Amino acid sequence: MKVEDVMVDNVITARDDETVKRAVDIMNKHQIGCLVVEKDGNAIGILTERDLLKRVLAKCKDPKKIKVRDVMTQPLMYVSPKTDLEQAAKIMFKLRIKKLPVIEERRLVGLLTVTDIARSSEKTVRMLKEIFNFSPLQKLPQGNP
């Protein structure tokens, strides 16, 4: 299975020069936990809830004055849509991240989250159960034939 099979392809973004307050408003409106940050149409970082907690709230910074570029995580770690899902999951585990942008030919095409991976696993398990529960073979009765 590839990243493109399970990623979200409608990624909400923010400009690097937007205020953190505006970015939080966007996150709340869409009920999401991160924004991929762009500058001149290129993905350059990611703003996560963790960034907001560590770099804004914990330091008592004013979200109306601080810019996204000042608190986002960078450099941006990403994978290609053709990356094996297992490999992407290993990268996320190693880097201790829950969201991984998907970039193809320098263009943001998706976002892979831990939730996406969990959903794909559930789907795979259901599919395997269906395959193994359906069998055209007859079972032999127990005991003497």
N, C-alpha and C. Protein backbone atom coordinates (compact mmCIF):
# COMPACT_ATOMS: atom_id res chain seq x y z
N MET A 1 0.85 -1.17 0.00
CA MET A 1 0.00 0.00 0.00
C MET A 1 0.89 1.24 0.00
N LYS A 2 0.48 2.25 -0.73
CA LYS A 2 1.25 3.48 -0.87
C LYS A 2 0.59 4.61 -0.08
N VAL A 3 1.36 5.64 0.21
CA VAL A 3 0.85 6.81 0.92
C VAL A 3 -0.35 7.39 0.20
N GLU A 4 -0.30 7.46 -1.13
CA GLU A 4 -1.39 8.05 -1.90
C GLU A 4 -2.72 7.31 -1.73
N ASP A 5 -2.65 6.06 -1.28
CA ASP A 5 -3.87 5.27 -1.09
C ASP A 5 -4.66 5.69 0.15
N VAL A 6 -4.00 6.34 1.10
CA VAL A 6 -4.68 6.67 2.36
C VAL A 6 -4.59 8.14 2.77
N MET A 7 -3.77 8.92 2.09
CA MET A 7 -3.57 10.33 2.48
C MET A 7 -4.83 11.15 2.23
N VAL A 8 -4.91 12.27 2.90
CA VAL A 8 -5.94 13.28 2.64
C VAL A 8 -5.38 14.17 1.54
N ASP A 9 -6.19 14.44 0.52
CA ASP A 9 -5.65 15.26 -0.57
C ASP A 9 -6.17 16.69 -0.58
N ASN A 10 -7.06 17.01 0.34
CA ASN A 10 -7.55 18.37 0.47
C ASN A 10 -6.87 19.01 1.68
N VAL A 11 -5.66 19.52 1.48
CA VAL A 11 -4.86 20.04 2.59
C VAL A 11 -5.11 21.53 2.77
N ILE A 12 -5.39 21.92 3.99
CA ILE A 12 -5.60 23.32 4.32
C ILE A 12 -4.22 23.93 4.64
N THR A 13 -3.96 25.08 4.07
CA THR A 13 -2.65 25.71 4.24
C THR A 13 -2.78 27.11 4.82
N ALA A 14 -1.64 27.65 5.22
CA ALA A 14 -1.57 29.04 5.69
C ALA A 14 -0.31 29.66 5.11
N ARG A 15 -0.34 30.95 4.91
CA ARG A 15 0.86 31.66 4.47
C ARG A 15 1.79 31.87 5.66
N ASP A 16 3.05 31.93 5.41
CA ASP A 16 4.02 32.11 6.50
C ASP A 16 3.92 33.48 7.15
N ASP A 17 3.35 34.47 6.46
CA ASP A 17 3.27 35.82 7.01
C ASP A 17 1.93 36.11 7.71
N GLU A 18 1.06 35.08 7.82
CA GLU A 18 -0.19 35.26 8.54
C GLU A 18 0.08 35.26 10.04
N THR A 19 -0.83 35.88 10.79
CA THR A 19 -0.68 35.85 12.24
C THR A 19 -1.08 34.48 12.77
N VAL A 20 -0.55 34.13 13.90
CA VAL A 20 -0.92 32.87 14.54
C VAL A 20 -2.41 32.88 14.86
N LYS A 21 -2.96 34.02 15.23
CA LYS A 21 -4.41 34.12 15.52
C LYS A 21 -5.22 33.72 14.29
N ARG A 22 -4.84 34.21 13.12
CA ARG A 22 -5.54 33.87 11.88
C ARG A 22 -5.39 32.37 11.60
N ALA A 23 -4.21 31.83 11.81
CA ALA A 23 -3.98 30.39 11.58
C ALA A 23 -4.85 29.55 12.52
N VAL A 24 -4.94 29.95 13.77
CA VAL A 24 -5.79 29.23 14.74
C VAL A 24 -7.25 29.30 14.32
N ASP A 25 -7.66 30.46 13.83
CA ASP A 25 -9.05 30.59 13.34
C ASP A 25 -9.31 29.61 12.20
N ILE A 26 -8.36 29.47 11.30
CA ILE A 26 -8.49 28.53 10.17
C ILE A 26 -8.57 27.09 10.69
N MET A 27 -7.69 26.75 11.63
CA MET A 27 -7.68 25.40 12.20
C MET A 27 -9.01 25.09 12.88
N ASN A 28 -9.53 26.05 13.63
CA ASN A 28 -10.81 25.85 14.31
C ASN A 28 -11.96 25.72 13.32
N LYS A 29 -11.97 26.56 12.30
CA LYS A 29 -13.03 26.53 11.30
C LYS A 29 -13.11 25.16 10.63
N HIS A 30 -11.96 24.59 10.33
CA HIS A 30 -11.91 23.31 9.61
C HIS A 30 -11.78 22.11 10.55
N GLN A 31 -11.70 22.38 11.86
CA GLN A 31 -11.54 21.34 12.88
C GLN A 31 -10.36 20.42 12.57
N ILE A 32 -9.20 21.03 12.39
CA ILE A 32 -7.98 20.29 12.07
C ILE A 32 -6.88 20.64 13.06
N GLY A 33 -5.87 19.78 13.13
CA GLY A 33 -4.80 19.95 14.10
C GLY A 33 -3.51 20.52 13.56
N CYS A 34 -3.49 20.85 12.26
CA CYS A 34 -2.28 21.43 11.70
C CYS A 34 -2.58 22.16 10.40
N LEU A 35 -1.64 22.99 10.01
CA LEU A 35 -1.68 23.67 8.72
C LEU A 35 -0.31 23.52 8.08
N VAL A 36 -0.27 23.18 6.82
CA VAL A 36 0.99 23.23 6.09
C VAL A 36 1.21 24.70 5.74
N VAL A 37 2.42 25.18 5.97
CA VAL A 37 2.74 26.59 5.78
C VAL A 37 3.42 26.79 4.43
N GLU A 38 2.92 27.78 3.69
CA GLU A 38 3.46 28.04 2.36
C GLU A 38 4.02 29.46 2.27
N LYS A 39 5.01 29.57 1.38
CA LYS A 39 5.57 30.88 1.03
C LYS A 39 5.75 30.85 -0.48
N ASP A 40 5.19 31.82 -1.15
CA ASP A 40 5.26 31.90 -2.62
C ASP A 40 4.80 30.60 -3.27
N GLY A 41 3.76 29.97 -2.69
CA GLY A 41 3.19 28.76 -3.28
C GLY A 41 3.95 27.48 -2.98
N ASN A 42 5.03 27.57 -2.21
CA ASN A 42 5.82 26.37 -1.85
C ASN A 42 5.65 26.05 -0.37
N ALA A 43 5.49 24.77 -0.07
CA ALA A 43 5.40 24.32 1.32
C ALA A 43 6.77 24.47 1.97
N ILE A 44 6.80 25.19 3.11
CA ILE A 44 8.08 25.42 3.78
C ILE A 44 8.10 24.98 5.23
N GLY A 45 6.94 24.66 5.79
CA GLY A 45 6.88 24.25 7.19
C GLY A 45 5.50 23.74 7.53
N ILE A 46 5.32 23.41 8.80
CA ILE A 46 4.02 22.94 9.27
C ILE A 46 3.77 23.57 10.64
N LEU A 47 2.53 24.00 10.86
CA LEU A 47 2.13 24.55 12.14
C LEU A 47 1.19 23.55 12.79
N THR A 48 1.58 23.03 13.94
CA THR A 48 0.78 22.03 14.64
C THR A 48 0.28 22.57 15.98
N GLU A 49 -0.66 21.85 16.54
CA GLU A 49 -1.14 22.21 17.87
C GLU A 49 0.01 22.23 18.88
N ARG A 50 0.93 21.29 18.74
CA ARG A 50 2.10 21.24 19.63
C ARG A 50 2.94 22.51 19.51
N ASP A 51 3.12 23.01 18.28
CA ASP A 51 3.86 24.26 18.08
C ASP A 51 3.18 25.40 18.82
N LEU A 52 1.85 25.44 18.74
CA LEU A 52 1.11 26.51 19.40
C LEU A 52 1.27 26.43 20.92
N LEU A 53 1.22 25.22 21.45
CA LEU A 53 1.38 25.05 22.91
C LEU A 53 2.79 25.44 23.36
N LYS A 54 3.81 24.94 22.68
CA LYS A 54 5.19 25.15 23.10
C LYS A 54 5.71 26.55 22.80
N ARG A 55 5.37 27.08 21.64
CA ARG A 55 6.02 28.30 21.17
C ARG A 55 5.17 29.56 21.31
N VAL A 56 3.89 29.38 21.62
CA VAL A 56 3.02 30.55 21.77
C VAL A 56 2.48 30.59 23.20
N LEU A 57 1.67 29.61 23.57
CA LEU A 57 1.03 29.63 24.89
C LEU A 57 2.04 29.54 26.03
N ALA A 58 2.94 28.59 25.96
CA ALA A 58 3.90 28.40 27.06
C ALA A 58 4.80 29.62 27.24
N LYS A 59 5.01 30.37 26.17
CA LYS A 59 5.88 31.56 26.24
C LYS A 59 5.08 32.85 26.32
N CYS A 60 3.76 32.71 26.50
CA CYS A 60 2.86 33.87 26.66
C CYS A 60 3.01 34.90 25.54
N LYS A 61 3.14 34.42 24.32
CA LYS A 61 3.24 35.33 23.17
C LYS A 61 1.85 35.69 22.68
N ASP A 62 1.73 36.87 22.13
CA ASP A 62 0.44 37.35 21.63
C ASP A 62 0.18 36.80 20.23
N PRO A 63 -0.81 35.92 20.07
CA PRO A 63 -1.07 35.30 18.77
C PRO A 63 -1.53 36.30 17.71
N LYS A 64 -1.94 37.49 18.14
CA LYS A 64 -2.34 38.51 17.17
C LYS A 64 -1.14 39.24 16.58
N LYS A 65 0.01 39.12 17.24
CA LYS A 65 1.21 39.84 16.80
C LYS A 65 2.26 38.94 16.17
N ILE A 66 2.31 37.69 16.59
CA ILE A 66 3.35 36.79 16.12
C ILE A 66 2.95 36.15 14.79
N LYS A 67 3.92 35.95 13.93
CA LYS A 67 3.67 35.37 12.60
C LYS A 67 3.86 33.86 12.64
N VAL A 68 3.15 33.18 11.75
CA VAL A 68 3.23 31.73 11.65
C VAL A 68 4.68 31.28 11.44
N ARG A 69 5.43 31.98 10.60
CA ARG A 69 6.81 31.59 10.30
C ARG A 69 7.70 31.56 11.54
N ASP A 70 7.30 32.31 12.58
CA ASP A 70 8.11 32.39 13.79
C ASP A 70 7.89 31.22 14.75
N VAL A 71 6.83 30.45 14.53
CA VAL A 71 6.53 29.35 15.46
C VAL A 71 6.33 28.00 14.77
N MET A 72 6.34 27.97 13.45
CA MET A 72 6.12 26.71 12.72
C MET A 72 7.32 25.79 12.87
N THR A 73 7.09 24.52 12.60
CA THR A 73 8.17 23.55 12.57
C THR A 73 8.79 23.56 11.18
N GLN A 74 10.10 23.66 11.15
CA GLN A 74 10.85 23.58 9.90
C GLN A 74 12.23 23.05 10.21
N PRO A 75 12.95 22.46 9.29
CA PRO A 75 12.55 22.27 7.90
C PRO A 75 11.39 21.27 7.79
N LEU A 76 10.68 21.37 6.70
CA LEU A 76 9.52 20.52 6.48
C LEU A 76 9.97 19.11 6.10
N MET A 77 9.52 18.14 6.88
CA MET A 77 9.77 16.73 6.55
C MET A 77 8.57 16.26 5.74
N TYR A 78 8.82 15.53 4.67
CA TYR A 78 7.72 15.09 3.81
C TYR A 78 8.08 13.79 3.10
N VAL A 79 7.07 13.20 2.47
CA VAL A 79 7.26 12.00 1.66
C VAL A 79 6.57 12.21 0.32
N SER A 80 6.84 11.31 -0.60
CA SER A 80 6.18 11.33 -1.90
C SER A 80 4.93 10.47 -1.82
N PRO A 81 3.96 10.69 -2.71
CA PRO A 81 2.76 9.86 -2.69
C PRO A 81 3.05 8.39 -3.00
N LYS A 82 4.17 8.11 -3.65
CA LYS A 82 4.53 6.73 -4.02
C LYS A 82 5.29 6.00 -2.91
N THR A 83 5.55 6.68 -1.81
CA THR A 83 6.26 6.05 -0.69
C THR A 83 5.40 4.93 -0.11
N ASP A 84 6.03 3.80 0.21
CA ASP A 84 5.31 2.71 0.87
C ASP A 84 4.76 3.22 2.20
N LEU A 85 3.53 2.86 2.49
CA LEU A 85 2.88 3.31 3.72
C LEU A 85 3.68 2.86 4.95
N GLU A 86 4.19 1.66 4.92
CA GLU A 86 4.98 1.16 6.05
C GLU A 86 6.22 2.02 6.27
N GLN A 87 6.89 2.41 5.19
CA GLN A 87 8.07 3.26 5.30
C GLN A 87 7.71 4.62 5.88
N ALA A 88 6.60 5.20 5.41
CA ALA A 88 6.14 6.49 5.93
C ALA A 88 5.83 6.39 7.42
N ALA A 89 5.19 5.30 7.83
CA ALA A 89 4.88 5.09 9.25
C ALA A 89 6.16 5.00 10.08
N LYS A 90 7.17 4.34 9.55
CA LYS A 90 8.45 4.25 10.26
C LYS A 90 9.10 5.62 10.41
N ILE A 91 9.02 6.43 9.37
CA ILE A 91 9.57 7.79 9.42
C ILE A 91 8.85 8.59 10.50
N MET A 92 7.53 8.50 10.51
CA MET A 92 6.75 9.25 11.49
C MET A 92 7.08 8.79 12.91
N PHE A 93 7.23 7.50 13.11
CA PHE A 93 7.56 6.96 14.43
C PHE A 93 8.95 7.44 14.85
N LYS A 94 9.90 7.35 13.94
CA LYS A 94 11.28 7.75 14.25
C LYS A 94 11.37 9.24 14.59
N LEU A 95 10.65 10.07 13.83
CA LEU A 95 10.69 11.52 14.04
C LEU A 95 9.71 11.98 15.12
N ARG A 96 8.87 11.05 15.60
CA ARG A 96 7.87 11.35 16.63
C ARG A 96 6.91 12.44 16.16
N ILE A 97 6.40 12.25 14.94
CA ILE A 97 5.44 13.21 14.38
C ILE A 97 4.16 12.47 14.01
N LYS A 98 3.06 13.21 14.02
CA LYS A 98 1.75 12.61 13.74
C LYS A 98 1.18 13.02 12.39
N LYS A 99 1.84 13.99 11.76
CA LYS A 99 1.35 14.50 10.48
C LYS A 99 2.54 14.68 9.54
N LEU A 100 2.37 14.20 8.32
CA LEU A 100 3.47 14.21 7.36
C LEU A 100 2.96 14.69 5.99
N PRO A 101 3.40 15.87 5.56
CA PRO A 101 2.99 16.35 4.24
C PRO A 101 3.47 15.43 3.13
N VAL A 102 2.71 15.42 2.04
CA VAL A 102 3.03 14.60 0.88
C VAL A 102 3.27 15.57 -0.28
N ILE A 103 4.47 15.49 -0.85
CA ILE A 103 4.86 16.42 -1.90
C ILE A 103 5.33 15.64 -3.12
N GLU A 104 4.87 16.11 -4.29
CA GLU A 104 5.26 15.51 -5.56
C GLU A 104 5.67 16.63 -6.51
N GLU A 105 6.86 16.51 -7.03
CA GLU A 105 7.39 17.53 -7.96
C GLU A 105 7.25 18.93 -7.37
N ARG A 106 7.67 19.08 -6.12
CA ARG A 106 7.70 20.35 -5.39
C ARG A 106 6.32 20.94 -5.13
N ARG A 107 5.27 20.14 -5.29
CA ARG A 107 3.90 20.61 -5.09
C ARG A 107 3.25 19.79 -3.98
N LEU A 108 2.59 20.46 -3.04
CA LEU A 108 1.87 19.80 -1.96
C LEU A 108 0.66 19.09 -2.54
N VAL A 109 0.60 17.77 -2.35
CA VAL A 109 -0.51 16.99 -2.91
C VAL A 109 -1.33 16.26 -1.85
N GLY A 110 -0.85 16.28 -0.60
CA GLY A 110 -1.60 15.58 0.43
C GLY A 110 -0.98 15.70 1.80
N LEU A 111 -1.64 15.05 2.75
CA LEU A 111 -1.17 15.00 4.13
C LEU A 111 -1.49 13.62 4.68
N LEU A 112 -0.49 13.00 5.26
CA LEU A 112 -0.66 11.68 5.89
C LEU A 112 -0.64 11.88 7.40
N THR A 113 -1.64 11.31 8.08
CA THR A 113 -1.69 11.41 9.54
C THR A 113 -1.70 10.01 10.15
N VAL A 114 -1.41 9.96 11.43
CA VAL A 114 -1.47 8.70 12.16
C VAL A 114 -2.88 8.12 12.06
N THR A 115 -3.89 8.99 12.09
CA THR A 115 -5.27 8.54 11.97
C THR A 115 -5.51 7.87 10.61
N ASP A 116 -4.94 8.43 9.54
CA ASP A 116 -5.07 7.82 8.21
C ASP A 116 -4.48 6.41 8.21
N ILE A 117 -3.34 6.27 8.84
CA ILE A 117 -2.68 4.96 8.90
C ILE A 117 -3.54 3.98 9.70
N ALA A 118 -4.09 4.42 10.82
CA ALA A 118 -4.94 3.55 11.63
C ALA A 118 -6.18 3.12 10.85
N ARG A 119 -6.79 4.06 10.13
CA ARG A 119 -7.97 3.72 9.33
C ARG A 119 -7.63 2.70 8.25
N SER A 120 -6.47 2.87 7.62
CA SER A 120 -6.08 1.92 6.56
C SER A 120 -5.84 0.54 7.15
N SER A 121 -5.31 0.49 8.36
CA SER A 121 -5.07 -0.79 9.02
C SER A 121 -6.39 -1.49 9.33
N GLU A 122 -7.36 -0.71 9.83
CA GLU A 122 -8.68 -1.27 10.12
C GLU A 122 -9.32 -1.83 8.85
N LYS A 123 -9.19 -1.09 7.76
CA LYS A 123 -9.76 -1.52 6.48
C LYS A 123 -9.09 -2.81 6.00
N THR A 124 -7.78 -2.90 6.16
CA THR A 124 -7.05 -4.09 5.75
C THR A 124 -7.48 -5.30 6.58
N VAL A 125 -7.63 -5.10 7.88
CA VAL A 125 -8.05 -6.19 8.76
C VAL A 125 -9.45 -6.67 8.38
N ARG A 126 -10.37 -5.73 8.13
CA ARG A 126 -11.73 -6.11 7.71
C ARG A 126 -11.70 -6.89 6.40
N MET A 127 -10.88 -6.44 5.46
CA MET A 127 -10.78 -7.12 4.17
C MET A 127 -10.26 -8.55 4.35
N LEU A 128 -9.24 -8.70 5.18
CA LEU A 128 -8.68 -10.04 5.42
C LEU A 128 -9.70 -10.94 6.10
N LYS A 129 -10.46 -10.39 7.05
CA LYS A 129 -11.50 -11.19 7.70
C LYS A 129 -12.52 -11.66 6.68
N GLU A 130 -12.93 -10.77 5.79
CA GLU A 130 -13.90 -11.15 4.76
C GLU A 130 -13.34 -12.24 3.85
N ILE A 131 -12.08 -12.10 3.48
CA ILE A 131 -11.46 -13.10 2.61
C ILE A 131 -11.41 -14.46 3.30
N PHE A 132 -10.97 -14.47 4.55
CA PHE A 132 -10.80 -15.74 5.24
C PHE A 132 -12.10 -16.33 5.76
N ASN A 133 -13.11 -15.51 5.96
CA ASN A 133 -14.41 -16.05 6.37
C ASN A 133 -15.18 -16.63 5.20
N PHE A 134 -14.88 -16.17 4.01
CA PHE A 134 -15.54 -16.71 2.82
C PHE A 134 -14.65 -17.80 2.26
N SER A 135 -15.16 -18.98 2.18
CA SER A 135 -14.39 -20.08 1.61
C SER A 135 -15.33 -21.02 0.87
N PRO A 136 -15.06 -21.27 -0.40
CA PRO A 136 -15.90 -22.21 -1.14
C PRO A 136 -15.62 -23.66 -0.76
N LEU A 137 -14.57 -23.88 0.04
CA LEU A 137 -14.24 -25.25 0.46
C LEU A 137 -15.15 -25.68 1.59
N GLN A 138 -15.48 -26.95 1.61
CA GLN A 138 -16.29 -27.53 2.69
C GLN A 138 -15.37 -28.11 3.74
N LYS A 139 -15.77 -27.98 4.99
CA LYS A 139 -14.99 -28.54 6.08
C LYS A 139 -15.41 -29.98 6.27
N LEU A 140 -14.44 -30.81 6.60
CA LEU A 140 -14.74 -32.22 6.91
C LEU A 140 -15.37 -32.29 8.29
N PRO A 141 -16.35 -33.15 8.48
CA PRO A 141 -16.93 -33.30 9.82
C PRO A 141 -15.91 -33.88 10.78
N GLN A 142 -16.07 -33.56 12.05
CA GLN A 142 -15.19 -34.07 13.09
C GLN A 142 -15.50 -35.55 13.33
N GLY A 143 -14.51 -36.29 13.74
CA GLY A 143 -14.74 -37.71 14.07
C GLY A 143 -14.44 -38.61 12.88
N ASN A 144 -15.07 -39.81 12.87
CA ASN A 144 -14.82 -40.78 11.81
C ASN A 144 -15.51 -40.37 10.51
N PRO A 145 -14.80 -40.53 9.39
CA PRO A 145 -15.42 -40.18 8.11
C PRO A 145 -16.44 -41.19 7.67
